[in-house]
C-alpha atoms as a PDB file:
ATOM      1  CA  UNK A   1      -5.890  19.550   0.379  1.00  0.00           C
ATOM      2  CA  UNK A   2      -4.943  19.192  -3.302  1.00  0.00           C
ATOM      3  CA  UNK A   3      -5.448  15.792  -4.943  1.00  0.00           C
ATOM      4  CA  UNK A   4      -2.468  13.440  -4.847  1.00  0.00           C
ATOM      5  CA  UNK A   5      -1.896  11.003  -7.709  1.00  0.00           C
ATOM      6  CA  UNK A   6       0.188   7.912  -6.932  1.00  0.00           C
ATOM      7  CA  UNK A   7       1.669   5.504  -9.457  1.00  0.00           C
ATOM      8  CA  UNK A   8       3.396   2.161  -9.142  1.00  0.00           C
ATOM      9  CA  UNK A   9       5.916   1.678 -11.914  1.00  0.00           C
ATOM     10  CA  UNK A  10       7.806  -1.559 -11.264  1.00  0.00           C
ATOM     11  CA  UNK A  11       7.248  -2.241  -7.602  1.00  0.00           C
ATOM     12  CA  UNK A  12       6.026  -0.648  -4.401  1.00  0.00           C
ATOM     13  CA  UNK A  13       7.127  -2.662  -1.392  1.00  0.00           C
ATOM     14  CA  UNK A  14       6.891  -1.993   2.325  1.00  0.00           C
ATOM     15  CA  UNK A  15       6.529   1.731   3.090  1.00  0.00           C
ATOM     16  CA  UNK A  16       6.208   2.453  -0.645  1.00  0.00           C
ATOM     17  CA  UNK A  17       2.954   0.463  -0.742  1.00  0.00           C
ATOM     18  CA  UNK A  18       1.644   2.574   2.139  1.00  0.00           C
ATOM     19  CA  UNK A  19       2.419   5.762   0.210  1.00  0.00           C
ATOM     20  CA  UNK A  20       0.868   4.267  -2.935  1.00  0.00           C
ATOM     21  CA  UNK A  21      -2.458   3.512  -1.259  1.00  0.00           C
ATOM     22  CA  UNK A  22      -2.575   6.869   0.542  1.00  0.00           C
ATOM     23  CA  UNK A  23      -3.127   8.776  -2.700  1.00  0.00           C
ATOM     24  CA  UNK A  24      -6.416  10.452  -3.486  1.00  0.00           C
ATOM     25  CA  UNK A  25      -9.143   7.853  -4.145  1.00  0.00           C
ATOM     26  CA  UNK A  26      -9.522   7.348  -7.887  1.00  0.00           C
ATOM     27  CA  UNK A  27      -5.951   8.544  -8.510  1.00  0.00           C
ATOM     28  CA  UNK A  28      -3.994   5.499  -7.256  1.00  0.00           C
ATOM     29  CA  UNK A  29      -2.631   3.672 -10.287  1.00  0.00           C
ATOM     30  CA  UNK A  30      -0.270   0.882 -11.278  1.00  0.00           C
ATOM     31  CA  UNK A  31       1.210  -0.523 -14.440  1.00  0.00           C
ATOM     32  CA  UNK A  32      -0.112  -4.050 -15.109  1.00  0.00           C
ATOM     33  CA  UNK A  33       3.160  -5.902 -14.446  1.00  0.00           C
ATOM     34  CA  UNK A  34       4.061  -4.065 -11.259  1.00  0.00           C
ATOM     35  CA  UNK A  35       4.330  -5.842  -7.916  1.00  0.00           C
ATOM     36  CA  UNK A  36       3.075  -4.454  -4.625  1.00  0.00           C
ATOM     37  CA  UNK A  37       4.077  -5.879  -1.227  1.00  0.00           C
ATOM     38  CA  UNK A  38       2.777  -5.227   2.275  1.00  0.00           C
ATOM     39  CA  UNK A  39       4.171  -6.506   5.568  1.00  0.00           C
ATOM     40  CA  UNK A  40       4.427  -5.632   9.220  1.00  0.00           C
ATOM     41  CA  UNK A  41       7.240  -3.357  10.394  1.00  0.00           C
ATOM     42  CA  UNK A  42      10.501  -4.931  11.443  1.00  0.00           C
ATOM     43  CA  UNK A  43      13.186  -3.742  13.773  1.00  0.00           C
ATOM     44  CA  UNK A  44      16.260  -4.762  15.653  1.00  0.00           C
ATOM     45  CA  UNK A  45      17.009  -4.044  19.262  1.00  0.00           C
ATOM     46  CA  UNK A  46      20.090  -4.637  21.329  1.00  0.00           C
ATOM     47  CA  UNK A  47      21.244  -3.538  24.708  1.00  0.00           C
ATOM     48  CA  UNK A  48      19.713  -3.681  28.131  1.00  0.00           C
ATOM     49  CA  UNK A  49      16.469  -5.585  28.648  1.00  0.00           C
ATOM     50  CA  UNK A  50      14.596  -2.377  29.457  1.00  0.00           C
ATOM     51  CA  UNK A  51      15.777  -0.733  26.231  1.00  0.00           C
ATOM     52  CA  UNK A  52      14.765  -3.804  24.218  1.00  0.00           C
ATOM     53  CA  UNK A  53      11.314  -3.657  25.826  1.00  0.00           C
ATOM     54  CA  UNK A  54      10.998   0.045  24.938  1.00  0.00           C
ATOM     55  CA  UNK A  55      11.859  -0.713  21.299  1.00  0.00           C
ATOM     56  CA  UNK A  56       9.423  -3.657  21.197  1.00  0.00           C
ATOM     57  CA  UNK A  57       6.587  -1.516  22.556  1.00  0.00           C
ATOM     58  CA  UNK A  58       7.361   1.201  20.032  1.00  0.00           C
ATOM     59  CA  UNK A  59       7.335  -1.165  17.056  1.00  0.00           C
ATOM     60  CA  UNK A  60       4.014  -2.646  18.224  1.00  0.00           C
ATOM     61  CA  UNK A  61       2.553   0.891  18.345  1.00  0.00           C
ATOM     62  CA  UNK A  62       3.902   1.491  14.842  1.00  0.00           C
ATOM     63  CA  UNK A  63       2.352  -1.792  13.665  1.00  0.00           C
ATOM     64  CA  UNK A  64      -1.083  -0.721  14.958  1.00  0.00           C
ATOM     65  CA  UNK A  65      -0.733   2.715  13.345  1.00  0.00           C
ATOM     66  CA  UNK A  66       0.294   1.276   9.975  1.00  0.00           C
ATOM     67  CA  UNK A  67      -2.507  -1.305  10.045  1.00  0.00           C
ATOM     68  CA  UNK A  68      -5.046   1.448  10.728  1.00  0.00           C
ATOM     69  CA  UNK A  69      -3.698   3.547   7.839  1.00  0.00           C
ATOM     70  CA  UNK A  70      -3.986   0.607   5.420  1.00  0.00           C
ATOM     71  CA  UNK A  71      -7.505  -0.136   6.711  1.00  0.00           C
ATOM     72  CA  UNK A  72      -8.552   3.486   6.191  1.00  0.00           C
ATOM     73  CA  UNK A  73      -7.274   3.695   2.617  1.00  0.00           C
ATOM     74  CA  UNK A  74      -8.221   0.198   1.423  1.00  0.00           C
ATOM     75  CA  UNK A  75     -11.614   0.069   3.179  1.00  0.00           C
ATOM     76  CA  UNK A  76     -10.624  -3.428   4.350  1.00  0.00           C
ATOM     77  CA  UNK A  77     -11.599  -4.557   7.866  1.00  0.00           C
ATOM     78  CA  UNK A  78      -8.739  -4.247  10.334  1.00  0.00           C
ATOM     79  CA  UNK A  79      -8.692  -8.038  10.758  1.00  0.00           C
ATOM     80  CA  UNK A  80      -8.048  -8.509   7.014  1.00  0.00           C
ATOM     81  CA  UNK A  81      -5.186  -6.007   7.151  1.00  0.00           C
ATOM     82  CA  UNK A  82      -3.651  -7.694  10.194  1.00  0.00           C
ATOM     83  CA  UNK A  83      -3.797 -11.059   8.432  1.00  0.00           C
ATOM     84  CA  UNK A  84      -2.278  -9.710   5.200  1.00  0.00           C
ATOM     85  CA  UNK A  85       0.499  -7.936   7.093  1.00  0.00           C
ATOM     86  CA  UNK A  86       1.601 -10.966   9.131  1.00  0.00           C
ATOM     87  CA  UNK A  87       4.194 -11.946   6.507  1.00  0.00           C
ATOM     88  CA  UNK A  88       5.452 -10.429   3.271  1.00  0.00           C
ATOM     89  CA  UNK A  89       2.440 -10.423   0.946  1.00  0.00           C
ATOM     90  CA  UNK A  90       3.241  -9.793  -2.702  1.00  0.00           C
ATOM     91  CA  UNK A  91       0.425  -8.859  -5.067  1.00  0.00           C
ATOM     92  CA  UNK A  92       0.026  -8.299  -8.761  1.00  0.00           C
ATOM     93  CA  UNK A  93      -1.460  -4.984  -9.820  1.00  0.00           C
ATOM     94  CA  UNK A  94      -4.869  -6.642 -10.231  1.00  0.00           C
ATOM     95  CA  UNK A  95      -4.658  -8.249  -6.780  1.00  0.00           C
ATOM     96  CA  UNK A  96      -3.667  -4.878  -5.291  1.00  0.00           C
ATOM     97  CA  UNK A  97      -6.708  -3.323  -6.955  1.00  0.00           C
ATOM     98  CA  UNK A  98      -8.989  -6.029  -5.552  1.00  0.00           C
ATOM     99  CA  UNK A  99      -7.432  -5.487  -2.100  1.00  0.00           C
ATOM    100  CA  UNK A 100      -8.043  -1.730  -2.350  1.00  0.00           C
ATOM    101  CA  UNK A 101      -4.442  -0.522  -2.483  1.00  0.00           C
ATOM    102  CA  UNK A 102      -4.943   1.021  -5.931  1.00  0.00           C
ATOM    103  CA  UNK A 103      -7.891   2.082  -8.071  1.00  0.00           C
ATOM    104  CA  UNK A 104      -6.688   1.532 -11.623  1.00  0.00           C
ATOM    105  CA  UNK A 105      -4.446  -0.878 -13.476  1.00  0.00           C
ATOM    106  CA  UNK A 106      -3.223   1.156 -16.435  1.00  0.00           C
ATOM    107  CA  UNK A 107      -3.466  -0.346 -19.902  1.00  0.00           C
ATOM    108  CA  UNK A 108      -1.606   0.333 -23.101  1.00  0.00           C
ATOM    109  CA  UNK A 109      -3.156   1.360 -25.297  1.00  0.00           C
ATOM    110  CA  UNK A 110      -5.860   2.822 -23.081  1.00  0.00           C
ATOM    111  CA  UNK A 111      -9.335   1.442 -23.710  1.00  0.00           C
ATOM    112  CA  UNK A 112     -10.964   4.786 -22.944  1.00  0.00           C
ATOM    113  CA  UNK A 113     -12.093   6.704 -25.986  1.00  0.00           C
ATOM    114  CA  UNK A 114      -9.595   9.473 -26.561  1.00  0.00           C
ATOM    115  CA  UNK A 115     -11.035  12.714 -27.922  1.00  0.00           C
ATOM    116  CA  UNK A 116     -10.566  12.865 -31.652  1.00  0.00           C
ATOM    117  CA  UNK A 117      -9.099  15.869 -33.400  1.00  0.00           C
ATOM    118  CA  UNK A 118     -12.381  16.374 -35.244  1.00  0.00           C
ATOM    119  CA  UNK A 119     -14.606  16.558 -32.166  1.00  0.00           C
END
């Protein structure tokens, strides 16, 4: 599988934060003033009681799947993911890095030594 670079430019909320953290390790980046938000899935059901139950069971399956994906990519214990996902949790780029959603908070100008034209 080819490497996948993900960038947060502005904000990555909900499913966008899941895509952001699913990039190739070492290639998940964010600008310093970006915001990243995680939360549990939401849904709406109407109709007969049996249909509402079917929808509720499906969203609970989705919640478990999403939590496991975040746990895999952040290396956080499942319990930490479940706690973070209970309500909307907004993070700065640095907080998202500490949580494991991204690897790098990009700086301008970069602090890495750029190759000079004479080398």
